[in-house]
Protein backbone atom coordinates (compact mmCIF):
# COMPACT_ATOMS: atom_id res chain seq x y z
CA MET A 1 62.34 47.22 -51.49
CA LEU A 2 61.38 47.08 -47.82
CA PHE A 3 57.74 47.64 -48.67
CA ILE A 4 57.64 45.03 -51.43
CA PHE A 5 59.50 42.30 -49.56
CA GLY A 6 58.21 43.04 -46.03
CA GLN A 7 56.31 39.76 -45.67
CA GLU A 8 59.27 37.71 -46.92
CA ILE A 9 61.63 39.51 -44.54
CA PHE A 10 59.37 38.60 -41.61
CA LYS A 11 59.23 34.96 -42.68
CA LEU A 12 63.00 34.81 -43.18
CA LEU A 13 63.75 36.32 -39.76
CA GLY A 14 60.97 34.43 -38.00
CA ILE A 15 59.38 37.48 -36.44
CA SER A 16 55.80 38.68 -36.45
CA VAL A 17 54.55 42.00 -37.78
CA ASP A 18 53.44 42.90 -34.27
CA ALA A 19 56.86 42.26 -32.72
CA PHE A 20 58.45 44.42 -35.39
CA ARG A 21 55.83 47.11 -34.84
CA ILE A 22 56.70 47.22 -31.12
CA GLY A 23 60.44 47.39 -31.83
CA ALA A 24 60.08 50.07 -34.49
CA GLY A 25 57.83 52.12 -32.22
CA ALA A 26 60.37 51.93 -29.40
CA LEU A 27 63.22 53.03 -31.69
CA LEU A 28 61.13 55.85 -33.09
CA PHE A 29 60.35 57.01 -29.56
CA LEU A 30 64.06 57.10 -28.70
CA SER A 31 64.70 59.18 -31.84
CA VAL A 32 61.92 61.55 -30.82
CA ILE A 33 63.50 62.12 -27.42
CA SER A 34 66.71 63.33 -29.05
CA LEU A 35 64.69 65.51 -31.45
CA VAL A 36 62.71 67.18 -28.67
CA ASP A 37 65.77 67.61 -26.45
CA GLY A 38 67.53 69.38 -29.31
CA LYS A 39 70.41 66.90 -29.44
CA ILE A 40 70.25 66.55 -33.21
CA GLN A 41 72.96 68.83 -34.50
CA VAL A 42 72.62 70.58 -37.83
CA PRO A 43 76.02 70.86 -39.50
CA ASP A 44 77.37 74.33 -40.07
CA ALA A 45 77.62 75.39 -43.71
CA LYS A 46 81.17 76.64 -43.07
CA LYS A 47 82.43 73.12 -42.39
CA SER A 48 84.27 71.15 -45.00
CA ILE A 49 82.17 69.09 -47.38
CA LEU A 50 84.15 66.05 -46.22
CA ASP A 51 82.65 66.46 -42.74
CA LEU A 52 79.20 66.07 -44.26
CA ALA A 53 80.04 63.38 -46.83
CA VAL A 54 80.16 60.43 -44.44
CA VAL A 55 76.54 60.73 -43.30
CA PRO A 56 74.42 63.08 -45.36
CA LEU A 57 72.31 65.36 -43.18
CA ALA A 58 68.87 64.17 -44.25
CA ILE A 59 69.44 60.41 -44.27
CA PRO A 60 69.02 59.69 -40.53
CA ILE A 61 66.01 61.99 -40.33
CA THR A 62 64.14 60.94 -43.47
CA LEU A 63 64.91 57.24 -43.37
CA GLY A 64 65.04 56.50 -39.68
CA PRO A 65 63.51 53.70 -37.64
CA GLY A 66 59.99 55.07 -38.04
CA SER A 67 60.17 55.11 -41.82
CA VAL A 68 61.81 51.71 -42.11
CA GLY A 69 59.44 50.18 -39.58
CA THR A 70 56.39 51.61 -41.29
CA LEU A 71 57.52 50.38 -44.71
CA ILE A 72 58.16 46.86 -43.48
CA VAL A 73 54.93 46.68 -41.47
CA MET A 74 52.91 48.02 -44.41
CA GLY A 75 54.63 45.57 -46.72
CA GLY A 76 53.63 42.75 -44.42
CA GLU A 77 50.02 43.86 -44.03
CA ILE A 78 48.90 45.17 -47.42
CA GLN A 79 47.58 42.46 -49.72
CA GLY A 80 46.75 42.66 -53.39
CA ILE A 81 48.50 44.19 -56.35
CA GLY A 82 46.15 47.19 -56.59
CA SER A 83 46.66 48.14 -52.95
CA LYS A 84 50.42 47.74 -53.21
CA LEU A 85 50.57 49.87 -56.38
CA LEU A 86 48.46 52.59 -54.78
CA THR A 87 50.68 52.58 -51.69
CA LEU A 88 53.85 52.64 -53.82
CA THR A 89 52.45 55.67 -55.66
CA ALA A 90 51.81 57.42 -52.33
CA ILE A 91 55.34 56.56 -51.16
CA SER A 92 56.81 57.90 -54.41
CA LEU A 93 54.88 61.16 -54.10
CA SER A 94 56.01 61.48 -50.47
CA CYS A 95 59.63 61.01 -51.53
CA LEU A 96 59.17 63.67 -54.20
CA CYS A 97 57.73 66.10 -51.62
CA VAL A 98 60.61 65.44 -49.23
CA GLY A 99 63.10 65.97 -52.07
CA VAL A 100 61.51 69.31 -53.00
CA LEU A 101 61.49 70.36 -49.35
CA LEU A 102 65.16 69.44 -48.95
CA TYR A 103 65.99 71.29 -52.15
CA MET A 104 64.23 74.37 -50.85
CA SER A 105 65.50 73.98 -47.28
CA ASP A 106 67.55 77.17 -47.40
CA GLN A 107 64.47 79.20 -48.29
CA VAL A 108 62.40 77.41 -45.62
CA LYS A 109 65.10 78.12 -43.04
CA HIS A 110 65.12 81.77 -44.05
CA VAL A 111 61.32 82.06 -43.73
CA LEU A 112 60.98 80.16 -40.44
CA GLY A 113 64.12 81.42 -38.74
CA ARG A 114 65.96 79.67 -35.92
CA ASN A 115 63.08 79.96 -33.43
CA GLY A 116 60.53 78.74 -35.97
CA ILE A 117 62.62 75.67 -36.74
CA ALA A 118 63.04 74.94 -33.02
CA MET A 119 59.29 75.26 -32.50
CA LEU A 120 58.53 73.08 -35.53
CA SER A 121 60.96 70.44 -34.21
CA LYS A 122 59.11 70.31 -30.89
CA ILE A 123 55.71 70.01 -32.57
CA THR A 124 57.01 67.34 -34.95
CA GLY A 125 58.51 65.51 -31.98
CA LEU A 126 55.15 65.49 -30.22
CA VAL A 127 53.39 64.07 -33.28
CA LEU A 128 56.11 61.44 -33.77
CA ALA A 129 55.98 60.50 -30.08
CA SER A 130 52.25 59.91 -30.43
CA LEU A 131 52.83 57.85 -33.57
CA SER A 132 55.49 55.74 -31.86
CA CYS A 133 53.23 55.10 -28.86
CA GLN A 134 50.40 54.12 -31.20
CA MET A 135 52.71 51.67 -32.98
CA ILE A 136 53.73 50.11 -29.67
CA PHE A 137 50.16 49.92 -28.32
CA GLN A 138 48.81 48.45 -31.55
CA GLY A 139 51.61 45.89 -31.63
CA ILE A 140 50.94 44.86 -28.04
CA ARG A 141 47.18 44.69 -28.64
CA TYR A 142 47.49 42.45 -31.71
CA PHE A 143 50.30 40.42 -30.12
CA LEU A 144 48.17 39.55 -27.08
CA LYS A 145 45.10 38.50 -29.13
């Protein structure tokens, strides 16, 4: 929905794609800081299911400010039915891959181990920090033109 109605959302709120790109990049960068610092807590499997039911574990990570910002910016920039359908197909395949990875997360955790997951979090944080900076720089560049 965010991807399809991105342009209309911008018009309704009266903001530009570039301003949103800067804001989404800043929020993504703040999320990355908590990821790299190790402040994101993974719930213990021994806890009650009610402790996990309020906010499912994967929701803040998979649909955070970076994802939402990218979907809205892409929805505002991509023109044409063919391009939108191709992008929606790519988004659907990405969601399927994330679903499979979440389904197999116990096996992945077993293979990587605690240290492997910590290392992967740091590397992912570095890549996401670069992506957030690129979003901010690109937004500033287009905003100032």
